[in-house]
Amino acid sequence: MANPEPDTPPARRLVWAPDEVRVRVDPPRIGTGRLVTTAALTGLVFTWPPAFLVLTAATLAAPSLTDGAGIGATARWAAQIAVLVAVGAVVTVLRRRDTPPGAADP
């Protein structure tokens, strides 16, 4: 029995849509307030738990280096680190939001 060869589609060229079609298809821009809120919350959520775990481990491993800090002080240090990261994320969002598309980052 002969093996039938699969039908191969003819080679097609890539055709770009006209500008007026691409403008209608582009997703709407997200507001600056929403971007800032998302950046701040993401920075806090993804920074605080790992920082807290690392600082807790360091406090347990070498309590003399941290003056025997308790859980509260360790949590406060982790929160301070998370706030610094969140502020950095917000500043980055605001800087990138103000730059026109296609402009090179300094």
PDB file of N, CA and C in Angstrom:
ATOM      1  N   MET A   1       0.841  -1.159   0.000  1.00  0.00           N
ATOM      2  CA  MET A   1       0.000   0.000   0.000  1.00  0.00           C
ATOM      3  C   MET A   1       0.897   1.237   0.000  1.00  0.00           C
ATOM      4  N   ALA A   2       0.582   2.157  -0.820  1.00  0.00           N
ATOM      5  CA  ALA A   2       1.399   3.365  -0.969  1.00  0.00           C
ATOM      6  C   ALA A   2       1.068   4.367   0.140  1.00  0.00           C
ATOM      7  N   ASN A   3       2.121   5.028   0.640  1.00  0.00           N
ATOM      8  CA  ASN A   3       1.910   6.058   1.652  1.00  0.00           C
ATOM      9  C   ASN A   3       1.514   7.359   0.951  1.00  0.00           C
ATOM     10  N   PRO A   4       0.313   7.832   1.236  1.00  0.00           N
ATOM     11  CA  PRO A   4      -0.064   9.098   0.597  1.00  0.00           C
ATOM     12  C   PRO A   4       0.713  10.247   1.233  1.00  0.00           C
ATOM     13  N   GLU A   5       1.157  11.143   0.414  1.00  0.00           N
ATOM     14  CA  GLU A   5       1.889  12.292   0.927  1.00  0.00           C
ATOM     15  C   GLU A   5       0.894  13.347   1.402  1.00  0.00           C
ATOM     16  N   PRO A   6       1.202  13.973   2.544  1.00  0.00           N
ATOM     17  CA  PRO A   6       0.283  14.992   3.035  1.00  0.00           C
ATOM     18  C   PRO A   6       0.286  16.209   2.109  1.00  0.00           C
ATOM     19  N   ASP A   7      -0.870  16.822   2.034  1.00  0.00           N
ATOM     20  CA  ASP A   7      -0.970  18.028   1.216  1.00  0.00           C
ATOM     21  C   ASP A   7      -0.248  19.161   1.933  1.00  0.00           C
ATOM     22  N   THR A   8       0.688  19.742   1.248  1.00  0.00           N
ATOM     23  CA  THR A   8       1.410  20.865   1.843  1.00  0.00           C
ATOM     24  C   THR A   8       0.799  22.146   1.296  1.00  0.00           C
ATOM     25  N   PRO A   9       0.529  23.071   2.191  1.00  0.00           N
ATOM     26  CA  PRO A   9      -0.034  24.326   1.704  1.00  0.00           C
ATOM     27  C   PRO A   9       1.016  25.108   0.927  1.00  0.00           C
ATOM     28  N   PRO A  10       0.584  25.899  -0.007  1.00  0.00           N
ATOM     29  CA  PRO A  10       1.556  26.689  -0.778  1.00  0.00           C
ATOM     30  C   PRO A  10       2.211  27.739   0.121  1.00  0.00           C
ATOM     31  N   ALA A  11       3.424  28.052  -0.218  1.00  0.00           N
ATOM     32  CA  ALA A  11       4.155  29.053   0.564  1.00  0.00           C
ATOM     33  C   ALA A  11       3.473  30.406   0.408  1.00  0.00           C
ATOM     34  N   ARG A  12       3.267  31.071   1.549  1.00  0.00           N
ATOM     35  CA  ARG A  12       2.602  32.376   1.512  1.00  0.00           C
ATOM     36  C   ARG A  12       3.547  33.436   2.044  1.00  0.00           C
ATOM     37  N   ARG A  13       3.377  34.611   1.539  1.00  0.00           N
ATOM     38  CA  ARG A  13       4.174  35.731   2.014  1.00  0.00           C
ATOM     39  C   ARG A  13       3.435  36.421   3.145  1.00  0.00           C
ATOM     40  N   LEU A  14       4.210  36.985   4.049  1.00  0.00           N
ATOM     41  CA  LEU A  14       3.642  37.713   5.167  1.00  0.00           C
ATOM     42  C   LEU A  14       3.154  39.073   4.675  1.00  0.00           C
ATOM     43  N   VAL A  15       1.907  39.370   4.979  1.00  0.00           N
ATOM     44  CA  VAL A  15       1.322  40.637   4.550  1.00  0.00           C
ATOM     45  C   VAL A  15       0.997  41.445   5.791  1.00  0.00           C
ATOM     46  N   TRP A  16       1.506  42.662   5.865  1.00  0.00           N
ATOM     47  CA  TRP A  16       1.244  43.532   7.002  1.00  0.00           C
ATOM     48  C   TRP A  16      -0.066  44.259   6.793  1.00  0.00           C
ATOM     49  N   ALA A  17      -0.797  44.425   7.876  1.00  0.00           N
ATOM     50  CA  ALA A  17      -2.057  45.154   7.813  1.00  0.00           C
ATOM     51  C   ALA A  17      -1.775  46.647   7.667  1.00  0.00           C
ATOM     52  N   PRO A  18      -2.667  47.352   6.992  1.00  0.00           N
ATOM     53  CA  PRO A  18      -2.478  48.801   6.876  1.00  0.00           C
ATOM     54  C   PRO A  18      -2.562  49.476   8.250  1.00  0.00           C
ATOM     55  N   ASP A  19      -2.041  50.689   8.340  1.00  0.00           N
ATOM     56  CA  ASP A  19      -2.005  51.408   9.616  1.00  0.00           C
ATOM     57  C   ASP A  19      -3.389  51.621  10.204  1.00  0.00           C
ATOM     58  N   GLU A  20      -4.382  51.919   9.392  1.00  0.00           N
ATOM     59  CA  GLU A  20      -5.717  52.167   9.942  1.00  0.00           C
ATOM     60  C   GLU A  20      -6.314  50.914  10.567  1.00  0.00           C
ATOM     61  N   VAL A  21      -5.938  49.742  10.097  1.00  0.00           N
ATOM     62  CA  VAL A  21      -6.412  48.498  10.707  1.00  0.00           C
ATOM     63  C   VAL A  21      -5.660  48.240  12.006  1.00  0.00           C
ATOM     64  N   ARG A  22      -4.356  48.479  12.015  1.00  0.00           N
ATOM     65  CA  ARG A  22      -3.580  48.245  13.232  1.00  0.00           C
ATOM     66  C   ARG A  22      -3.998  49.183  14.352  1.00  0.00           C
ATOM     67  N   VAL A  23      -4.383  50.391  14.046  1.00  0.00           N
ATOM     68  CA  VAL A  23      -4.827  51.327  15.069  1.00  0.00           C
ATOM     69  C   VAL A  23      -6.103  50.815  15.725  1.00  0.00           C
ATOM     70  N   ARG A  24      -6.994  50.238  14.956  1.00  0.00           N
ATOM     71  CA  ARG A  24      -8.247  49.709  15.523  1.00  0.00           C
ATOM     72  C   ARG A  24      -8.001  48.452  16.335  1.00  0.00           C
ATOM     73  N   VAL A  25      -6.953  47.703  16.035  1.00  0.00           N
ATOM     74  CA  VAL A  25      -6.683  46.434  16.706  1.00  0.00           C
ATOM     75  C   VAL A  25      -5.853  46.614  17.973  1.00  0.00           C
ATOM     76  N   ASP A  26      -5.068  47.671  18.067  1.00  0.00           N
ATOM     77  CA  ASP A  26      -4.205  47.888  19.233  1.00  0.00           C
ATOM     78  C   ASP A  26      -5.030  47.885  20.518  1.00  0.00           C
ATOM     79  N   PRO A  27      -4.516  47.237  21.561  1.00  0.00           N
ATOM     80  CA  PRO A  27      -5.257  47.219  22.832  1.00  0.00           C
ATOM     81  C   PRO A  27      -5.260  48.613  23.458  1.00  0.00           C
ATOM     82  N   PRO A  28      -6.269  48.904  24.257  1.00  0.00           N
ATOM     83  CA  PRO A  28      -6.300  50.220  24.899  1.00  0.00           C
ATOM     84  C   PRO A  28      -5.170  50.352  25.907  1.00  0.00           C
ATOM     85  N   ARG A  29      -4.699  51.561  26.107  1.00  0.00           N
ATOM     86  CA  ARG A  29      -3.626  51.804  27.070  1.00  0.00           C
ATOM     87  C   ARG A  29      -4.177  51.728  28.479  1.00  0.00           C
ATOM     88  N   ILE A  30      -3.389  51.123  29.348  1.00  0.00           N
ATOM     89  CA  ILE A  30      -3.782  51.020  30.750  1.00  0.00           C
ATOM     90  C   ILE A  30      -3.419  52.333  31.430  1.00  0.00           C
ATOM     91  N   GLY A  31      -4.279  52.812  32.310  1.00  0.00           N
ATOM     92  CA  GLY A  31      -4.055  54.081  32.986  1.00  0.00           C
ATOM     93  C   GLY A  31      -2.826  54.056  33.878  1.00  0.00           C
ATOM     94  N   THR A  32      -2.245  55.229  34.071  1.00  0.00           N
ATOM     95  CA  THR A  32      -1.039  55.343  34.885  1.00  0.00           C
ATOM     96  C   THR A  32      -1.295  54.934  36.325  1.00  0.00           C
ATOM     97  N   GLY A  33      -2.447  55.308  36.869  1.00  0.00           N
ATOM     98  CA  GLY A  33      -2.768  54.934  38.251  1.00  0.00           C
ATOM     99  C   GLY A  33      -2.814  53.433  38.445  1.00  0.00           C
ATOM    100  N   ARG A  34      -3.395  52.761  37.488  1.00  0.00           N
ATOM    101  CA  ARG A  34      -3.476  51.298  37.587  1.00  0.00           C
ATOM    102  C   ARG A  34      -2.099  50.662  37.458  1.00  0.00           C
ATOM    103  N   LEU A  35      -1.276  51.191  36.563  1.00  0.00           N
ATOM    104  CA  LEU A  35       0.085  50.659  36.410  1.00  0.00           C
ATOM    105  C   LEU A  35       0.906  50.874  37.678  1.00  0.00           C
ATOM    106  N   VAL A  36       0.770  52.055  38.278  1.00  0.00           N
ATOM    107  CA  VAL A  36       1.518  52.351  39.502  1.00  0.00           C
ATOM    108  C   VAL A  36       1.068  51.424  40.627  1.00  0.00           C
ATOM    109  N   THR A  37      -0.246  51.246  40.760  1.00  0.00           N
ATOM    110  CA  THR A  37      -0.768  50.358  41.805  1.00  0.00           C
ATOM    111  C   THR A  37      -0.293  48.929  41.601  1.00  0.00           C
ATOM    112  N   THR A  38      -0.351  48.460  40.368  1.00  0.00           N
ATOM    113  CA  THR A  38       0.092  47.090  40.071  1.00  0.00           C
ATOM    114  C   THR A  38       1.578  46.920  40.352  1.00  0.00           C
ATOM    115  N   ALA A  39       2.385  47.906  39.962  1.00  0.00           N
ATOM    116  CA  ALA A  39       3.830  47.816  40.198  1.00  0.00           C
ATOM    117  C   ALA A  39       4.139  47.803  41.685  1.00  0.00           C
ATOM    118  N   ALA A  40       3.459  48.659  42.450  1.00  0.00           N
ATOM    119  CA  ALA A  40       3.718  48.722  43.891  1.00  0.00           C
ATOM    120  C   ALA A  40       3.308  47.429  44.582  1.00  0.00           C
ATOM    121  N   LEU A  41       2.123  46.937  44.277  1.00  0.00           N
ATOM    122  CA  LEU A  41       1.661  45.696  44.919  1.00  0.00           C
ATOM    123  C   LEU A  41       2.512  44.494  44.525  1.00  0.00           C
ATOM    124  N   THR A  42       2.895  44.438  43.266  1.00  0.00           N
ATOM    125  CA  THR A  42       3.734  43.333  42.812  1.00  0.00           C
ATOM    126  C   THR A  42       5.098  43.386  43.496  1.00  0.00           C
ATOM    127  N   GLY A  43       5.658  44.574  43.609  1.00  0.00           N
ATOM    128  CA  GLY A  43       6.946  44.712  44.302  1.00  0.00           C
ATOM    129  C   GLY A  43       6.861  44.271  45.751  1.00  0.00           C
ATOM    130  N   LEU A  44       5.779  44.652  46.425  1.00  0.00           N
ATOM    131  CA  LEU A  44       5.617  44.254  47.829  1.00  0.00           C
ATOM    132  C   LEU A  44       5.396  42.757  47.971  1.00  0.00           C
ATOM    133  N   VAL A  45       4.496  42.221  47.171  1.00  0.00           N
ATOM    134  CA  VAL A  45       4.126  40.808  47.310  1.00  0.00           C
ATOM    135  C   VAL A  45       5.286  39.870  46.970  1.00  0.00           C
ATOM    136  N   PHE A  46       6.052  40.226  45.940  1.00  0.00           N
ATOM    137  CA  PHE A  46       7.131  39.328  45.533  1.00  0.00           C
ATOM    138  C   PHE A  46       8.448  39.601  46.252  1.00  0.00           C
ATOM    139  N   THR A  47       8.532  40.643  47.053  1.00  0.00           N
ATOM    140  CA  THR A  47       9.769  40.948  47.762  1.00  0.00           C
ATOM    141  C   THR A  47       9.693  40.618  49.245  1.00  0.00           C
ATOM    142  N   TRP A  48       8.584  40.940  49.885  1.00  0.00           N
ATOM    143  CA  TRP A  48       8.523  40.792  51.335  1.00  0.00           C
ATOM    144  C   TRP A  48       8.714  39.346  51.813  1.00  0.00           C
ATOM    145  N   PRO A  49       7.991  38.344  51.289  1.00  0.00           N
ATOM    146  CA  PRO A  49       8.190  36.979  51.827  1.00  0.00           C
ATOM    147  C   PRO A  49       9.614  36.453  51.684  1.00  0.00           C
ATOM    148  N   PRO A  50      10.256  36.568  50.500  1.00  0.00           N
ATOM    149  CA  PRO A  50      11.640  36.073  50.433  1.00  0.00           C
ATOM    150  C   PRO A  50      12.592  36.848  51.347  1.00  0.00           C
ATOM    151  N   ALA A  51      12.410  38.167  51.419  1.00  0.00           N
ATOM    152  CA  ALA A  51      13.281  38.950  52.299  1.00  0.00           C
ATOM    153  C   ALA A  51      13.081  38.542  53.754  1.00  0.00           C
ATOM    154  N   PHE A  52      11.847  38.315  54.134  1.00  0.00           N
ATOM    155  CA  PHE A  52      11.555  37.900  55.505  1.00  0.00           C
ATOM    156  C   PHE A  52      12.194  36.544  55.805  1.00  0.00           C
ATOM    157  N   LEU A  53      12.082  35.606  54.870  1.00  0.00           N
ATOM    158  CA  LEU A  53      12.683  34.285  55.090  1.00  0.00           C
ATOM    159  C   LEU A  53      14.201  34.365  55.193  1.00  0.00           C
ATOM    160  N   VAL A  54      14.821  35.151  54.336  1.00  0.00           N
ATOM    161  CA  VAL A  54      16.280  35.270  54.363  1.00  0.00           C
ATOM    162  C   VAL A  54      16.733  35.950  55.654  1.00  0.00           C
ATOM    163  N   LEU A  55      16.067  37.017  56.038  1.00  0.00           N
ATOM    164  CA  LEU A  55      16.452  37.717  57.261  1.00  0.00           C
ATOM    165  C   LEU A  55      16.180  36.871  58.497  1.00  0.00           C
ATOM    166  N   THR A  56      15.113  36.093  58.491  1.00  0.00           N
ATOM    167  CA  THR A  56      14.831  35.194  59.612  1.00  0.00           C
ATOM    168  C   THR A  56      15.902  34.128  59.722  1.00  0.00           C
ATOM    169  N   ALA A  57      16.289  33.566  58.578  1.00  0.00           N
ATOM    170  CA  ALA A  57      17.346  32.550  58.588  1.00  0.00           C
ATOM    171  C   ALA A  57      18.661  33.146  59.080  1.00  0.00           C
ATOM    172  N   ALA A  58      18.959  34.373  58.651  1.00  0.00           N
ATOM    173  CA  ALA A  58      20.182  35.020  59.101  1.00  0.00           C
ATOM    174  C   ALA A  58      20.136  35.310  60.601  1.00  0.00           C
ATOM    175  N   THR A  59      18.964  35.688  61.094  1.00  0.00           N
ATOM    176  CA  THR A  59      18.819  35.966  62.522  1.00  0.00           C
ATOM    177  C   THR A  59      18.969  34.690  63.344  1.00  0.00           C
ATOM    178  N   LEU A  60      18.425  33.606  62.825  1.00  0.00           N
ATOM    179  CA  LEU A  60      18.553  32.325  63.541  1.00  0.00           C
ATOM    180  C   LEU A  60      19.976  31.775  63.467  1.00  0.00           C
ATOM    181  N   ALA A  61      20.646  31.996  62.325  1.00  0.00           N
ATOM    182  CA  ALA A  61      21.986  31.450  62.147  1.00  0.00           C
ATOM    183  C   ALA A  61      23.033  32.244  62.926  1.00  0.00           C
ATOM    184  N   ALA A  62      22.876  33.544  62.965  1.00  0.00           N
ATOM    185  CA  ALA A  62      23.869  34.382  63.640  1.00  0.00           C
ATOM    186  C   ALA A  62      23.159  35.469  64.432  1.00  0.00           C
ATOM    187  N   PRO A  63      22.572  35.118  65.568  1.00  0.00           N
ATOM    188  CA  PRO A  63      21.827  36.121  66.330  1.00  0.00           C
ATOM    189  C   PRO A  63      22.697  37.257  66.867  1.00  0.00           C
ATOM    190  N   SER A  64      23.972  37.014  67.044  1.00  0.00           N
ATOM    191  CA  SER A  64      24.824  38.084  67.570  1.00  0.00           C
ATOM    192  C   SER A  64      25.010  39.208  66.545  1.00  0.00           C
ATOM    193  N   LEU A  65      24.911  38.890  65.256  1.00  0.00           N
ATOM    194  CA  LEU A  65      25.071  39.914  64.218  1.00  0.00           C
ATOM    195  C   LEU A  65      23.841  40.797  64.106  1.00  0.00           C
ATOM    196  N   THR A  66      22.704  40.301  64.550  1.00  0.00           N
ATOM    197  CA  THR A  66      21.466  41.083  64.465  1.00  0.00           C
ATOM    198  C   THR A  66      21.003  41.547  65.837  1.00  0.00           C
ATOM    199  N   ASP A  67      21.873  41.492  66.812  1.00  0.00           N
ATOM    200  CA  ASP A  67      21.563  41.897  68.186  1.00  0.00           C
ATOM    201  C   ASP A  67      20.368  41.131  68.740  1.00  0.00           C
ATOM    202  N   GLY A  68      20.249  39.878  68.350  1.00  0.00           N
ATOM    203  CA  GLY A  68      19.159  39.047  68.860  1.00  0.00           C
ATOM    204  C   GLY A  68      17.784  39.566  68.490  1.00  0.00           C
ATOM    205  N   ALA A  69      17.647  40.101  67.287  1.00  0.00           N
ATOM    206  CA  ALA A  69      16.373  40.674  66.848  1.00  0.00           C
ATOM    207  C   ALA A  69      15.281  39.612  66.847  1.00  0.00           C
ATOM    208  N   GLY A  70      14.090  40.040  67.178  1.00  0.00           N
ATOM    209  CA  GLY A  70      12.952  39.131  67.188  1.00  0.00           C
ATOM    210  C   GLY A  70      12.250  39.119  65.845  1.00  0.00           C
ATOM    211  N   ILE A  71      11.128  38.417  65.820  1.00  0.00           N
ATOM    212  CA  ILE A  71      10.348  38.289  64.586  1.00  0.00           C
ATOM    213  C   ILE A  71       9.824  39.651  64.133  1.00  0.00           C
ATOM    214  N   GLY A  72       9.414  40.486  65.080  1.00  0.00           N
ATOM    215  CA  GLY A  72       8.881  41.799  64.710  1.00  0.00           C
ATOM    216  C   GLY A  72       9.908  42.669  64.004  1.00  0.00           C
ATOM    217  N   ALA A  73      11.113  42.700  64.536  1.00  0.00           N
ATOM    218  CA  ALA A  73      12.166  43.499  63.903  1.00  0.00           C
ATOM    219  C   ALA A  73      12.530  42.934  62.539  1.00  0.00           C
ATOM    220  N   THR A  74      12.572  41.614  62.442  1.00  0.00           N
ATOM    221  CA  THR A  74      12.880  40.985  61.160  1.00  0.00           C
ATOM    222  C   THR A  74      11.796  41.291  60.136  1.00  0.00           C
ATOM    223  N   ALA A  75      10.540  41.237  60.549  1.00  0.00           N
ATOM    224  CA  ALA A  75       9.434  41.563  59.643  1.00  0.00           C
ATOM    225  C   ALA A  75       9.495  43.025  59.210  1.00  0.00           C
ATOM    226  N   ARG A  76       9.874  43.911  60.123  1.00  0.00           N
ATOM    227  CA  ARG A  76       9.992  45.333  59.787  1.00  0.00           C
ATOM    228  C   ARG A  76      11.122  45.558  58.780  1.00  0.00           C
ATOM    229  N   TRP A  77      12.248  44.881  58.968  1.00  0.00           N
ATOM    230  CA  TRP A  77      13.344  45.013  58.011  1.00  0.00           C
ATOM    231  C   TRP A  77      12.918  44.520  56.632  1.00  0.00           C
ATOM    232  N   ALA A  78      12.228  43.394  56.594  1.00  0.00           N
ATOM    233  CA  ALA A  78      11.765  42.862  55.311  1.00  0.00           C
ATOM    234  C   ALA A  78      10.770  43.822  54.666  1.00  0.00           C
ATOM    235  N   ALA A  79       9.911  44.441  55.474  1.00  0.00           N
ATOM    236  CA  ALA A  79       8.954  45.406  54.938  1.00  0.00           C
ATOM    237  C   ALA A  79       9.670  46.629  54.376  1.00  0.00           C
ATOM    238  N   GLN A  80      10.723  47.071  55.043  1.00  0.00           N
ATOM    239  CA  GLN A  80      11.482  48.216  54.540  1.00  0.00           C
ATOM    240  C   GLN A  80      12.133  47.896  53.196  1.00  0.00           C
ATOM    241  N   ILE A  81      12.683  46.709  53.075  1.00  0.00           N
ATOM    242  CA  ILE A  81      13.278  46.291  51.801  1.00  0.00           C
ATOM    243  C   ILE A  81      12.212  46.223  50.722  1.00  0.00           C
ATOM    244  N   ALA A  82      11.043  45.654  51.056  1.00  0.00           N
ATOM    245  CA  ALA A  82       9.958  45.529  50.086  1.00  0.00           C
ATOM    246  C   ALA A  82       9.448  46.899  49.648  1.00  0.00           C
ATOM    247  N   VAL A  83       9.367  47.838  50.572  1.00  0.00           N
ATOM    248  CA  VAL A  83       8.921  49.192  50.210  1.00  0.00           C
ATOM    249  C   VAL A  83       9.933  49.852  49.282  1.00  0.00           C
ATOM    250  N   LEU A  84      11.213  49.669  49.527  1.00  0.00           N
ATOM    251  CA  LEU A  84      12.232  50.232  48.632  1.00  0.00           C
ATOM    252  C   LEU A  84      12.113  49.647  47.222  1.00  0.00           C
ATOM    253  N   VAL A  85      11.887  48.344  47.132  1.00  0.00           N
ATOM    254  CA  VAL A  85      11.721  47.711  45.815  1.00  0.00           C
ATOM    255  C   VAL A  85      10.451  48.223  45.141  1.00  0.00           C
ATOM    256  N   ALA A  86       9.368  48.365  45.896  1.00  0.00           N
ATOM    257  CA  ALA A  86       8.115  48.862  45.333  1.00  0.00           C
ATOM    258  C   ALA A  86       8.257  50.295  44.833  1.00  0.00           C
ATOM    259  N   VAL A  87       8.965  51.123  45.584  1.00  0.00           N
ATOM    260  CA  VAL A  87       9.191  52.505  45.145  1.00  0.00           C
ATOM    261  C   VAL A  87      10.019  52.510  43.860  1.00  0.00           C
ATOM    262  N   GLY A  88      11.005  51.657  43.786  1.00  0.00           N
ATOM    263  CA  GLY A  88      11.791  51.542  42.554  1.00  0.00           C
ATOM    264  C   GLY A  88      10.940  51.105  41.374  1.00  0.00           C
ATOM    265  N   ALA A  89      10.016  50.172  41.598  1.00  0.00           N
ATOM    266  CA  ALA A  89       9.131  49.719  40.521  1.00  0.00           C
ATOM    267  C   ALA A  89       8.203  50.843  40.070  1.00  0.00           C
ATOM    268  N   VAL A  90       7.689  51.624  41.012  1.00  0.00           N
ATOM    269  CA  VAL A  90       6.801  52.735  40.669  1.00  0.00           C
ATOM    270  C   VAL A  90       7.554  53.794  39.871  1.00  0.00           C
ATOM    271  N   VAL A  91       8.762  54.117  40.295  1.00  0.00           N
ATOM    272  CA  VAL A  91       9.564  55.110  39.565  1.00  0.00           C
ATOM    273  C   VAL A  91       9.853  54.619  38.156  1.00  0.00           C
ATOM    274  N   THR A  92      10.154  53.336  38.021  1.00  0.00           N
ATOM    275  CA  THR A  92      10.412  52.773  36.698  1.00  0.00           C
ATOM    276  C   THR A  92       9.175  52.870  35.811  1.00  0.00           C
ATOM    277  N   VAL A  93       8.013  52.557  36.363  1.00  0.00           N
ATOM    278  CA  VAL A  93       6.775  52.657  35.585  1.00  0.00           C
ATOM    279  C   VAL A  93       6.542  54.099  35.146  1.00  0.00           C
ATOM    280  N   LEU A  94       6.723  55.038  36.042  1.00  0.00           N
ATOM    281  CA  LEU A  94       6.497  56.437  35.694  1.00  0.00           C
ATOM    282  C   LEU A  94       7.499  56.942  34.664  1.00  0.00           C
ATOM    283  N   ARG A  95       8.744  56.523  34.769  1.00  0.00           N
ATOM    284  CA  ARG A  95       9.752  56.950  33.780  1.00  0.00           C
ATOM    285  C   ARG A  95       9.461  56.369  32.410  1.00  0.00           C
ATOM    286  N   ARG A  96       9.089  55.099  32.377  1.00  0.00           N
ATOM    287  CA  ARG A  96       8.820  54.466  31.080  1.00  0.00           C
ATOM    288  C   ARG A  96       7.513  54.962  30.484  1.00  0.00           C
ATOM    289  N   ARG A  97       6.585  55.358  31.324  1.00  0.00           N
ATOM    290  CA  ARG A  97       5.303  55.846  30.832  1.00  0.00           C
ATOM    291  C   ARG A  97       5.463  57.196  30.149  1.00  0.00           C
ATOM    292  N   ASP A  98       6.424  58.002  30.623  1.00  0.00           N
ATOM    293  CA  ASP A  98       6.615  59.336  30.072  1.00  0.00           C
ATOM    294  C   ASP A  98       7.447  59.343  28.792  1.00  0.00           C
ATOM    295  N   THR A  99       8.199  58.283  28.541  1.00  0.00           N
ATOM    296  CA  THR A  99       9.026  58.256  27.340  1.00  0.00           C
ATOM    297  C   THR A  99       8.165  57.882  26.136  1.00  0.00           C
ATOM    298  N   PRO A 100       8.364  58.559  25.019  1.00  0.00           N
ATOM    299  CA  PRO A 100       7.600  58.223  23.818  1.00  0.00           C
ATOM    300  C   PRO A 100       8.007  56.866  23.272  1.00  0.00           C
ATOM    301  N   PRO A 101       7.093  56.174  22.592  1.00  0.00           N
ATOM    302  CA  PRO A 101       7.452  54.869  22.031  1.00  0.00           C
ATOM    303  C   PRO A 101       8.575  55.010  21.019  1.00  0.00           C
ATOM    304  N   GLY A 102       9.482  54.097  21.052  1.00  0.00           N
ATOM    305  CA  GLY A 102      10.594  54.103  20.133  1.00  0.00           C
ATOM    306  C   GLY A 102      11.801  54.880  20.617  1.00  0.00           C
ATOM    307  N   ALA A 103      11.650  55.602  21.727  1.00  0.00           N
ATOM    308  CA  ALA A 103      12.786  56.349  22.261  1.00  0.00           C
ATOM    309  C   ALA A 103      13.711  55.391  23.002  1.00  0.00           C
ATOM    310  N   ALA A 104      14.987  55.621  22.881  1.00  0.00           N
ATOM    311  CA  ALA A 104      15.965  54.742  23.527  1.00  0.00           C
ATOM    312  C   ALA A 104      16.029  55.056  25.021  1.00  0.00           C
ATOM    313  N   ASP A 105      16.224  54.017  25.823  1.00  0.00           N
ATOM    314  CA  ASP A 105      16.408  54.213  27.251  1.00  0.00           C
ATOM    315  C   ASP A 105      17.770  54.817  27.506  1.00  0.00           C
ATOM    316  N   PRO A 106      17.857  55.800  28.410  1.00  0.00           N
ATOM    317  CA  PRO A 106      19.174  56.400  28.684  1.00  0.00           C
ATOM    318  C   PRO A 106      20.036  55.459  29.470  1.00  0.00           C
TER     319      PRO A 106
END
